[in-house]
Protein backbone atom coordinates (compact mmCIF):
# COMPACT_ATOMS: atom_id res chain seq x y z
CA MET A 1 94.30 98.22 73.91
CA SER A 2 97.47 96.27 74.66
CA PRO A 3 98.78 95.68 78.19
CA VAL A 4 101.71 98.01 77.48
CA THR A 5 99.38 100.79 76.32
CA LEU A 6 97.31 100.36 79.49
CA LEU A 7 100.44 100.71 81.61
CA GLN A 8 101.59 103.73 79.62
CA GLU A 9 98.26 105.51 80.00
CA SER A 10 98.12 104.72 83.71
CA LEU A 11 101.59 106.15 84.26
CA GLN A 12 100.90 109.19 82.10
CA THR A 13 97.65 110.12 83.83
CA ALA A 14 98.34 109.12 87.45
CA SER A 15 98.07 112.00 89.94
CA SER A 16 100.03 110.11 92.60
CA PRO A 17 102.62 107.30 92.50
CA ILE A 18 101.37 103.88 91.38
CA ASP A 19 102.28 100.90 93.53
CA ILE A 20 103.70 98.28 91.18
CA ALA A 21 102.71 95.63 93.72
CA ALA A 22 99.08 96.28 92.75
CA LEU A 23 99.17 96.25 88.95
CA CYS A 24 96.16 93.95 88.76
CA ASP A 25 94.01 96.97 89.58
CA ILE A 26 94.95 98.45 86.20
CA PHE A 27 93.57 95.40 84.39
CA ARG A 28 90.48 94.88 86.53
CA GLU A 29 88.07 96.71 84.21
CA THR A 30 89.56 95.35 80.98
CA GLU A 31 89.09 92.11 79.07
CA TYR A 32 92.45 90.89 80.35
CA GLY A 33 93.06 88.64 83.29
CA CYS A 34 95.92 89.50 85.66
CA PHE A 35 97.49 86.93 87.97
CA ARG A 36 100.32 87.69 90.36
CA ASP A 37 103.25 85.40 91.26
CA TYR A 38 102.28 82.73 88.74
CA ILE A 39 104.57 79.70 88.97
CA ILE A 40 106.35 79.04 85.67
CA ALA A 41 108.87 76.39 86.82
CA PHE A 42 109.76 74.28 89.84
CA ILE A 43 112.60 71.98 90.84
CA HIS A 44 112.13 68.39 89.68
CA ASP A 45 115.17 66.61 91.09
CA SER A 46 115.05 66.40 94.88
CA GLN A 47 118.82 65.82 94.99
CA LYS A 48 119.17 69.54 94.24
CA ILE A 49 117.33 70.40 97.46
CA LYS A 50 119.93 70.81 100.20
CA GLU A 51 117.72 71.38 103.24
CA PRO A 52 116.66 68.13 105.01
CA GLU A 53 113.69 69.89 106.62
CA ILE A 54 112.29 70.89 103.23
CA LEU A 55 112.66 67.35 101.90
CA GLU A 56 110.94 65.97 104.98
CA THR A 57 108.04 68.40 104.62
CA LEU A 58 107.56 67.52 100.95
CA LYS A 59 107.70 63.83 101.82
CA GLN A 60 105.03 64.31 104.49
CA HIS A 61 102.78 65.91 101.88
CA ASP A 62 103.34 63.05 99.42
CA LEU A 63 105.28 65.20 96.95
CA LEU A 64 108.33 62.96 96.58
CA GLN A 65 108.87 59.83 94.54
CA THR A 66 110.96 57.00 95.92
CA GLU A 67 113.48 57.42 93.09
CA GLY A 68 114.23 60.98 94.14
CA LEU A 69 112.14 63.06 91.77
CA LEU A 70 110.34 65.93 93.36
CA ILE A 71 106.75 65.62 92.23
CA LYS A 72 104.90 62.33 92.52
CA HIS A 73 103.27 62.51 89.06
CA THR A 74 104.95 60.41 86.40
CA THR A 75 103.39 61.47 83.11
CA THR A 76 105.23 63.68 80.61
CA ARG A 77 102.92 66.59 81.37
CA ASP A 78 102.04 67.15 85.00
CA ASP A 79 98.88 68.95 85.99
CA LEU A 80 99.44 70.09 89.56
CA THR A 81 96.56 71.08 91.76
CA GLU A 82 96.38 74.52 93.31
CA GLU A 83 96.93 72.86 96.68
CA GLU A 84 100.19 71.24 95.52
CA LEU A 85 101.44 74.54 94.11
CA ALA A 86 100.56 76.28 97.37
CA LEU A 87 102.53 73.66 99.31
CA LEU A 88 105.58 74.18 97.13
CA LYS A 89 105.30 77.96 97.46
CA ALA A 90 104.92 77.73 101.24
CA HIS A 91 107.67 75.19 101.95
CA ALA A 92 110.14 75.43 99.06
CA PRO A 93 109.99 78.97 97.64
CA ALA A 94 113.69 78.95 96.70
CA TYR A 95 113.00 76.06 94.32
CA LEU A 96 110.31 77.81 92.30
CA GLN A 97 110.34 80.38 89.53
CA SER A 98 107.37 82.74 89.39
CA ILE A 99 106.50 85.52 86.97
CA ASP A 100 105.46 88.71 88.76
CA TYR A 101 102.35 89.21 86.63
CA LEU A 102 100.78 86.92 84.06
CA ILE A 103 98.41 88.79 81.71
CA THR A 104 95.87 86.56 79.99
CA LYS A 105 93.56 87.17 77.04
CA THR A 106 90.50 86.35 79.15
CA LYS A 107 89.70 86.46 82.84
CA GLU A 108 90.21 82.71 83.07
CA LYS A 109 93.31 81.63 84.97
CA PRO A 110 95.43 79.14 82.99
CA LEU A 111 95.43 75.65 84.46
CA PRO A 112 98.87 74.91 85.90
CA ALA A 113 100.52 72.46 83.49
CA TYR A 114 104.24 71.75 83.49
CA THR A 115 106.47 69.44 81.53
CA HIS A 116 110.06 68.22 81.22
CA LYS A 117 111.93 66.90 78.21
CA TYR A 118 113.83 64.16 80.03
CA ARG A 119 112.81 62.23 83.12
CA HIS A 120 115.68 63.52 85.22
CA ASP A 121 115.61 67.14 84.06
CA ARG A 122 116.32 69.46 86.95
CA TRP A 123 113.26 71.65 86.36
CA LYS A 124 109.70 71.20 85.19
CA LYS A 125 108.58 74.22 83.19
CA LEU A 126 105.34 75.80 82.02
CA ALA A 127 104.04 73.59 79.23
CA SER A 128 101.94 76.04 77.22
CA ALA A 129 101.40 79.74 76.67
CA GLU A 130 97.81 79.28 75.50
CA ASN A 131 95.64 82.27 76.51
CA ILE A 132 98.68 84.25 77.72
CA GLU A 133 98.94 87.78 76.32
CA ALA A 134 102.03 89.05 78.16
CA VAL A 135 104.26 88.57 81.18
CA ILE A 136 105.42 91.45 83.40
CA ASP A 137 108.46 91.54 85.64
CA THR A 138 108.64 94.34 88.18
CA PHE A 139 111.38 95.66 90.44
CA LYS A 140 111.10 98.19 93.27
CA ARG A 141 114.21 99.64 94.88
CA ASP A 142 114.56 102.91 96.78
CA ASP A 143 118.25 102.81 97.67
CA ASP A 144 121.17 103.24 95.29
CA MET A 145 122.27 100.65 92.74
CA SER A 146 125.15 100.99 90.31
CA ILE A 147 124.58 100.53 86.59
CA GLN A 148 126.40 97.21 86.81
CA ALA A 149 124.11 96.01 89.62
CA CYS A 150 121.03 97.09 87.66
CA GLU A 151 122.20 95.24 84.56
CA THR A 152 123.14 92.12 86.52
CA TYR A 153 119.74 91.94 88.21
CA PHE A 154 117.96 92.49 84.90
CA ARG A 155 119.99 89.88 83.01
CA ASN A 156 119.58 87.26 85.75
CA THR A 157 115.81 87.72 85.63
CA VAL A 158 115.52 87.60 81.84
CA ARG A 159 117.80 84.58 81.59
CA LYS A 160 115.39 82.58 83.76
CA ARG A 161 112.43 83.70 81.67
CA LYS A 162 114.11 82.70 78.41
CA GLU A 163 114.63 79.20 79.79
CA ILE A 164 110.84 78.76 79.70
CA HIS A 165 110.30 77.87 76.03
CA ALA A 166 106.55 78.39 76.23
CA LEU A 167 107.09 82.11 76.96
CA ARG A 168 109.54 82.94 74.19
CA LYS A 169 106.93 84.19 71.71
CA ILE A 170 104.93 86.07 74.36
CA ALA A 171 105.17 89.82 74.98
CA TYR A 172 107.61 90.67 77.76
CA VAL A 173 107.36 93.79 79.93
CA TRP A 174 109.87 95.16 82.46
CA LEU A 175 108.72 97.79 84.97
CA VAL A 176 110.94 99.43 87.59
CA GLN A 177 109.88 101.78 90.39
CA THR A 178 112.46 103.75 92.37
CA SER A 179 112.97 106.99 94.28
CA SER A 180 116.76 106.80 93.90
CA SER A 181 118.24 108.96 91.15
CA LEU A 182 121.23 106.65 90.84
CA THR A 183 119.05 103.54 90.49
CA GLN A 184 116.83 105.41 88.05
CA GLU A 185 119.85 106.27 85.92
CA GLY A 186 121.05 102.65 85.99
CA PHE A 187 117.79 101.14 84.84
CA GLU A 188 117.30 103.85 82.24
CA LYS A 189 120.64 102.79 80.77
CA VAL A 190 119.45 99.17 80.85
CA ALA A 191 116.23 100.10 79.03
CA GLU A 192 118.05 102.14 76.40
CA HIS A 193 120.52 99.31 75.78
CA TYR A 194 118.21 96.27 75.72
CA PHE A 195 114.99 97.93 74.53
CA PRO A 196 116.34 100.68 72.23
CA ASP A 197 113.01 101.48 70.54
CA THR A 198 110.51 100.28 73.13
CA HIS A 199 110.96 102.04 76.45
CA ALA A 200 109.56 105.03 78.30
CA PHE A 201 110.39 106.97 81.47
CA TYR A 202 107.94 108.59 83.88
CA THR A 203 108.23 110.61 87.09
CA ILE A 204 105.29 111.05 89.45
CA ASP A 205 106.15 113.31 92.38
CA ASP A 206 109.56 111.94 93.44
CA THR A 207 108.95 108.41 92.15
CA HIS A 208 110.58 107.27 88.91
CA TYR A 209 109.31 104.53 86.60
CA ILE A 210 111.16 102.76 83.82
CA LEU A 211 108.89 100.85 81.42
CA ALA A 212 110.34 98.65 78.67
CA TRP A 213 108.87 95.93 76.50
CA LYS A 214 109.28 93.51 73.60
CA ASP A 215 106.46 92.06 71.50
CA GLN A 216 108.19 88.68 71.84
CA LEU A 217 110.59 87.68 74.60
CA GLU A 218 112.81 85.78 72.16
CA THR A 219 113.71 89.04 70.35
CA LEU A 220 115.32 90.46 73.50
CA ASN A 221 119.01 90.43 72.58
CA MET A 222 121.24 89.49 75.52
CA ARG A 223 124.49 89.15 73.56
CA HIS A 224 126.03 92.49 74.52
CA PHE A 225 126.57 94.01 77.97
CA ILE A 226 126.64 97.58 79.20
CA CYS A 227 129.17 96.52 81.83
CA PRO A 228 130.97 93.40 80.58
CA PRO A 229 131.77 90.93 83.37
CA GLN A 230 135.36 90.99 84.57
């Protein structure tokens, strides 16, 4: 059973609203692993960090090179420890990109490995999608958003995901939870536009869910807008 099918069945059979902040519970009894807030990229050039206090903290933890690169490792592929990733997440969260949920083919968590094409690339990105079955982005909003705001948020998120080459051939899932009818309408329009044949809508009590997916992220067409920018 695919991750999308598991989500569909959970939403279809739930007797009360599902908290999308706890999706790992859905995968707990399956063969899949589920890991929340998995780092897929981090800033590599310390000159892009504007806050002196952040730079000082990273320096104190031996995460800066003298030539201004962020992480001390110098090889083409950098295997960060969990402790280093935790330090970045704690002290420089604005300079990380994380996927909401990483779904893996086994219960084993992928070792964090990142790479960059050129030495002074701004970002280091996830090096491999080995053992990854799907990635899931979620969004929860209970107040009103216009269709334009919904589309803008969606496109900004997907653009960052598409910049991670290792994820382009991996299944991509978008899940929205809202109690606002206006926000529901906006994200339903987004799903119908960007996922014309692969989306579903659910309502549990007064909570609305919009589920959309692609078998491969790279097939998600971003060329056309619902609300073209002015």
